[in-house]
C-alpha atoms as a PDB file:
ATOM      1  CA  MET A   1       1.941   0.948  17.204  1.00  0.00           C
ATOM      2  CA  ILE A   2       2.694   0.405  13.559  1.00  0.00           C
ATOM      3  CA  LEU A   3       1.682  -2.833  11.865  1.00  0.00           C
ATOM      4  CA  SER A   4       5.206  -4.070  11.200  1.00  0.00           C
ATOM      5  CA  THR A   5       6.096  -3.868  14.892  1.00  0.00           C
ATOM      6  CA  HIS A   6       2.936  -5.783  15.806  1.00  0.00           C
ATOM      7  CA  ILE A   7       3.887  -8.491  13.294  1.00  0.00           C
ATOM      8  CA  VAL A   8       7.463  -8.824  14.570  1.00  0.00           C
ATOM      9  CA  ILE A   9       6.303  -9.013  18.201  1.00  0.00           C
ATOM     10  CA  ALA A  10       3.695 -11.664  17.371  1.00  0.00           C
ATOM     11  CA  ALA A  11       6.209 -13.709  15.387  1.00  0.00           C
ATOM     12  CA  ALA A  12       8.677 -13.614  18.274  1.00  0.00           C
ATOM     13  CA  LEU A  13       6.027 -14.750  20.739  1.00  0.00           C
ATOM     14  CA  THR A  14       4.620 -17.481  18.513  1.00  0.00           C
ATOM     15  CA  ARG A  15       7.796 -18.907  16.978  1.00  0.00           C
ATOM     16  CA  PRO A  16       8.070 -21.506  19.762  1.00  0.00           C
ATOM     17  CA  LEU A  17       4.414 -22.391  19.064  1.00  0.00           C
ATOM     18  CA  ALA A  18       4.880 -22.746  15.303  1.00  0.00           C
ATOM     19  CA  ALA A  19       4.383 -26.507  15.471  1.00  0.00           C
ATOM     20  CA  ALA A  20       1.260 -26.155  17.624  1.00  0.00           C
ATOM     21  CA  HIS A  21      -2.246 -25.677  16.331  1.00  0.00           C
ATOM     22  CA  PRO A  22      -2.657 -22.505  14.209  1.00  0.00           C
ATOM     23  CA  LEU A  23      -5.512 -21.340  16.460  1.00  0.00           C
ATOM     24  CA  LEU A  24      -3.074 -21.089  19.369  1.00  0.00           C
ATOM     25  CA  THR A  25      -0.723 -19.032  17.211  1.00  0.00           C
ATOM     26  CA  PHE A  26      -3.622 -16.808  16.165  1.00  0.00           C
ATOM     27  CA  ALA A  27      -4.831 -16.321  19.760  1.00  0.00           C
ATOM     28  CA  VAL A  28      -1.362 -15.428  21.059  1.00  0.00           C
ATOM     29  CA  SER A  29      -0.829 -13.039  18.137  1.00  0.00           C
ATOM     30  CA  LEU A  30      -4.170 -11.381  18.778  1.00  0.00           C
ATOM     31  CA  VAL A  31      -3.479 -10.914  22.483  1.00  0.00           C
ATOM     32  CA  SER A  32       0.018  -9.621  21.685  1.00  0.00           C
ATOM     33  CA  HIS A  33      -1.545  -6.771  19.705  1.00  0.00           C
ATOM     34  CA  TYR A  34      -3.456  -5.480  22.712  1.00  0.00           C
ATOM     35  CA  ALA A  35      -0.466  -5.962  25.041  1.00  0.00           C
ATOM     36  CA  ALA A  36       1.813  -4.055  22.653  1.00  0.00           C
ATOM     37  CA  ASP A  37      -0.697  -1.229  22.327  1.00  0.00           C
ATOM     38  CA  ALA A  38      -0.510  -0.738  26.112  1.00  0.00           C
ATOM     39  CA  ILE A  39       3.149   0.330  25.680  1.00  0.00           C
ATOM     40  CA  PRO A  40       3.725   4.004  24.772  1.00  0.00           C
ATOM     41  CA  HIS A  41       4.377   4.147  21.026  1.00  0.00           C
ATOM     42  CA  TRP A  42       4.291   6.201  17.846  1.00  0.00           C
ATOM     43  CA  HIS A  43       1.945   6.103  14.836  1.00  0.00           C
ATOM     44  CA  TYR A  44       2.751   7.480  11.418  1.00  0.00           C
ATOM     45  CA  PRO A  45       0.370  10.215  10.288  1.00  0.00           C
ATOM     46  CA  THR A  46      -2.650   9.253   8.203  1.00  0.00           C
ATOM     47  CA  ARG A  47      -4.680  11.502   5.957  1.00  0.00           C
ATOM     48  CA  THR A  48      -8.024   9.719   6.170  1.00  0.00           C
ATOM     49  CA  ILE A  49      -8.659   8.907   9.830  1.00  0.00           C
ATOM     50  CA  LEU A  50     -10.655  11.546  11.676  1.00  0.00           C
ATOM     51  CA  LYS A  51      -9.139  11.264  15.157  1.00  0.00           C
ATOM     52  CA  THR A  52     -11.360  12.372  18.001  1.00  0.00           C
ATOM     53  CA  GLU A  53     -11.173  12.153  21.775  1.00  0.00           C
ATOM     54  CA  ASP A  54     -14.207   9.864  21.666  1.00  0.00           C
ATOM     55  CA  PRO A  55     -13.091   6.590  20.032  1.00  0.00           C
ATOM     56  CA  ALA A  56     -16.699   5.790  19.106  1.00  0.00           C
ATOM     57  CA  ALA A  57     -16.818   8.934  16.941  1.00  0.00           C
ATOM     58  CA  ARG A  58     -13.794   8.084  14.788  1.00  0.00           C
ATOM     59  CA  ARG A  59     -14.517   7.768  11.090  1.00  0.00           C
ATOM     60  CA  TRP A  60     -12.829   7.666   7.712  1.00  0.00           C
ATOM     61  CA  ARG A  61     -12.760  10.928   5.801  1.00  0.00           C
ATOM     62  CA  GLY A  62     -10.900  12.258   2.820  1.00  0.00           C
ATOM     63  CA  THR A  63     -10.461  12.066  -0.903  1.00  0.00           C
ATOM     64  CA  ALA A  64      -9.831   9.020  -3.069  1.00  0.00           C
ATOM     65  CA  SER A  65      -6.208  10.124  -3.370  1.00  0.00           C
ATOM     66  CA  ALA A  66      -5.834  10.271   0.430  1.00  0.00           C
ATOM     67  CA  TYR A  67      -7.409   6.804   0.806  1.00  0.00           C
ATOM     68  CA  THR A  68      -5.001   5.424  -1.786  1.00  0.00           C
ATOM     69  CA  THR A  69      -2.018   7.008  -0.038  1.00  0.00           C
ATOM     70  CA  ASP A  70      -3.032   5.634   3.365  1.00  0.00           C
ATOM     71  CA  ALA A  71      -3.853   2.176   1.973  1.00  0.00           C
ATOM     72  CA  LEU A  72      -0.420   2.080   0.356  1.00  0.00           C
ATOM     73  CA  ALA A  73       1.217   3.118   3.649  1.00  0.00           C
ATOM     74  CA  PHE A  74      -0.657   0.358   5.513  1.00  0.00           C
ATOM     75  CA  ALA A  75       0.333  -2.212   2.879  1.00  0.00           C
ATOM     76  CA  VAL A  76       4.004  -1.181   2.926  1.00  0.00           C
ATOM     77  CA  ASP A  77       3.994  -1.194   6.728  1.00  0.00           C
ATOM     78  CA  ALA A  78       2.522  -4.718   6.976  1.00  0.00           C
ATOM     79  CA  SER A  79       4.735  -5.974   4.152  1.00  0.00           C
ATOM     80  CA  ALA A  80       7.819  -4.653   5.941  1.00  0.00           C
ATOM     81  CA  GLY A  81       6.881  -6.604   9.072  1.00  0.00           C
ATOM     82  CA  ILE A  82       6.233  -9.774   7.105  1.00  0.00           C
ATOM     83  CA  GLY A  83       9.492  -9.244   5.211  1.00  0.00           C
ATOM     84  CA  VAL A  84      11.511  -8.888   8.411  1.00  0.00           C
ATOM     85  CA  VAL A  85       9.973 -12.046   9.855  1.00  0.00           C
ATOM     86  CA  TRP A  86      10.510 -13.909   6.592  1.00  0.00           C
ATOM     87  CA  PHE A  87      14.169 -12.812   6.503  1.00  0.00           C
ATOM     88  CA  LEU A  88      14.775 -13.886  10.099  1.00  0.00           C
ATOM     89  CA  ALA A  89      12.729 -17.093  10.144  1.00  0.00           C
ATOM     90  CA  ARG A  90      13.225 -18.241   6.534  1.00  0.00           C
ATOM     91  CA  PRO A  91      10.017 -20.290   6.319  1.00  0.00           C
ATOM     92  CA  ALA A  92      10.718 -23.235   4.027  1.00  0.00           C
ATOM     93  CA  THR A  93       7.780 -25.547   4.661  1.00  0.00           C
ATOM     94  CA  ALA A  94       4.054 -25.093   4.227  1.00  0.00           C
ATOM     95  CA  ASP A  95       3.640 -25.248   8.019  1.00  0.00           C
ATOM     96  CA  ALA A  96       6.175 -22.448   8.474  1.00  0.00           C
ATOM     97  CA  TRP A  97       4.365 -20.288   5.917  1.00  0.00           C
ATOM     98  CA  ILE A  98       1.060 -20.970   7.669  1.00  0.00           C
ATOM     99  CA  TRP A  99       2.647 -19.937  10.980  1.00  0.00           C
ATOM    100  CA  LEU A 100       3.858 -16.672   9.432  1.00  0.00           C
ATOM    101  CA  ALA A 101       0.470 -15.912   7.836  1.00  0.00           C
ATOM    102  CA  VAL A 102      -1.482 -16.734  10.999  1.00  0.00           C
ATOM    103  CA  ALA A 103       0.849 -14.760  13.277  1.00  0.00           C
ATOM    104  CA  ALA A 104       0.735 -11.724  10.976  1.00  0.00           C
ATOM    105  CA  SER A 105      -3.043 -11.915  10.567  1.00  0.00           C
ATOM    106  CA  GLY A 106      -3.744 -12.210  14.287  1.00  0.00           C
ATOM    107  CA  SER A 107      -1.375  -9.398  15.139  1.00  0.00           C
ATOM    108  CA  ILE A 108      -3.016  -6.831  12.865  1.00  0.00           C
ATOM    109  CA  LEU A 109      -6.657  -7.935  13.120  1.00  0.00           C
ATOM    110  CA  PRO A 110      -7.569  -5.442  15.890  1.00  0.00           C
ATOM    111  CA  ASP A 111      -6.444  -2.498  13.760  1.00  0.00           C
ATOM    112  CA  PHE A 112      -8.289  -3.930  10.756  1.00  0.00           C
ATOM    113  CA  LEU A 113     -11.438  -4.171  12.896  1.00  0.00           C
ATOM    114  CA  GLN A 114     -10.993  -0.515  13.841  1.00  0.00           C
ATOM    115  CA  GLY A 115     -10.942   0.342  10.148  1.00  0.00           C
ATOM    116  CA  VAL A 116     -14.118  -1.645   9.552  1.00  0.00           C
ATOM    117  CA  TYR A 117     -15.762   0.120  12.482  1.00  0.00           C
ATOM    118  CA  MET A 118     -14.769   3.535  11.127  1.00  0.00           C
ATOM    119  CA  ALA A 119     -16.315   2.553   7.800  1.00  0.00           C
ATOM    120  CA  GLY A 120     -19.692   2.220   9.529  1.00  0.00           C
ATOM    121  CA  ALA A 121     -19.822  -1.258  11.111  1.00  0.00           C
ATOM    122  CA  SER A 122     -21.466  -0.098  14.325  1.00  0.00           C
ATOM    123  CA  PHE A 123     -21.596  -3.661  15.705  1.00  0.00           C
ATOM    124  CA  LEU A 124     -17.832  -3.238  16.364  1.00  0.00           C
ATOM    125  CA  GLN A 125     -18.317  -0.237  18.656  1.00  0.00           C
ATOM    126  CA  ARG A 126     -17.568  -2.262  21.799  1.00  0.00           C
ATOM    127  CA  HIS A 127     -14.288  -3.458  20.269  1.00  0.00           C
ATOM    128  CA  GLN A 128     -13.424   0.119  19.287  1.00  0.00           C
ATOM    129  CA  ILE A 129     -13.943   1.345  22.843  1.00  0.00           C
ATOM    130  CA  ILE A 130     -12.082  -1.573  24.461  1.00  0.00           C
ATOM    131  CA  HIS A 131      -9.175  -1.230  22.025  1.00  0.00           C
ATOM    132  CA  HIS A 132      -8.980   2.477  22.853  1.00  0.00           C
ATOM    133  CA  ARG A 133      -9.035   1.819  26.622  1.00  0.00           C
ATOM    134  CA  ILE A 134      -6.191  -0.692  26.366  1.00  0.00           C
ATOM    135  CA  HIS A 135      -4.157   1.719  24.250  1.00  0.00           C
ATOM    136  CA  SER A 136      -1.427   3.631  26.080  1.00  0.00           C
ATOM    137  CA  SER A 137      -2.472   7.116  27.101  1.00  0.00           C
ATOM    138  CA  ILE A 138       1.109   8.290  26.496  1.00  0.00           C
ATOM    139  CA  LEU A 139       1.098   9.373  22.863  1.00  0.00           C
ATOM    140  CA  LEU A 140       4.437   9.710  21.064  1.00  0.00           C
ATOM    141  CA  ASP A 141       2.887  10.700  17.715  1.00  0.00           C
ATOM    142  CA  ALA A 142       3.928  14.333  18.145  1.00  0.00           C
ATOM    143  CA  TYR A 143       7.481  13.263  19.042  1.00  0.00           C
ATOM    144  CA  PRO A 144       8.751  11.129  16.161  1.00  0.00           C
ATOM    145  CA  TRP A 145      12.381  11.616  17.243  1.00  0.00           C
ATOM    146  CA  ILE A 146      11.463   9.691  20.403  1.00  0.00           C
ATOM    147  CA  GLY A 147       8.652   7.471  19.115  1.00  0.00           C
ATOM    148  CA  ILE A 148      10.357   6.062  16.028  1.00  0.00           C
ATOM    149  CA  PRO A 149      13.607   4.957  17.743  1.00  0.00           C
ATOM    150  CA  PHE A 150      11.613   3.584  20.685  1.00  0.00           C
ATOM    151  CA  GLN A 151       9.421   1.522  18.383  1.00  0.00           C
ATOM    152  CA  LEU A 152      12.455   0.347  16.397  1.00  0.00           C
ATOM    153  CA  ALA A 153      14.054  -0.759  19.666  1.00  0.00           C
ATOM    154  CA  ILE A 154      10.936  -2.729  20.627  1.00  0.00           C
ATOM    155  CA  ALA A 155      10.897  -4.416  17.206  1.00  0.00           C
ATOM    156  CA  ALA A 156      14.647  -5.134  17.398  1.00  0.00           C
ATOM    157  CA  VAL A 157      14.352  -6.787  20.801  1.00  0.00           C
ATOM    158  CA  ALA A 158      11.428  -8.874  19.546  1.00  0.00           C
ATOM    159  CA  ALA A 159      13.377  -9.801  16.413  1.00  0.00           C
ATOM    160  CA  LEU A 160      16.120 -11.298  18.578  1.00  0.00           C
ATOM    161  CA  PHE A 161      13.636 -13.997  19.604  1.00  0.00           C
ATOM    162  CA  ILE A 162      12.566 -15.008  16.100  1.00  0.00           C
END
């Protein structure tokens, strides 16, 4: 699932908890990532992730230009999610901004940890394998005309609750 969808889902789930302790918001956002990944979804193509059947064998590969392109795509993706939540929630207080930052951070942390693992942090291998097992086995990556609208629909439904 793309980062912006993870962020919107986490914001929808944690909005009622915004006044609670930030750790609760973070925990719910983190769990929402894994739950959302269990739903069939689409990923945009990346140039630097060597995808293999064995999740423990996945690594970064590519040129500096490819890394820059992918990093920009990840940043735009996450920024779009934060922008949508900002537009819908209009955080005006410091507490509201903290809620938004914590919800966004928790919702994308598992994918960040995958990136750290692929960079050589072997101590995250267990997380890599668990994350892969939770992930839906129905891949829509090859079917963007199905995957993109489906993911937009998921994000739109979640946005209704922000």
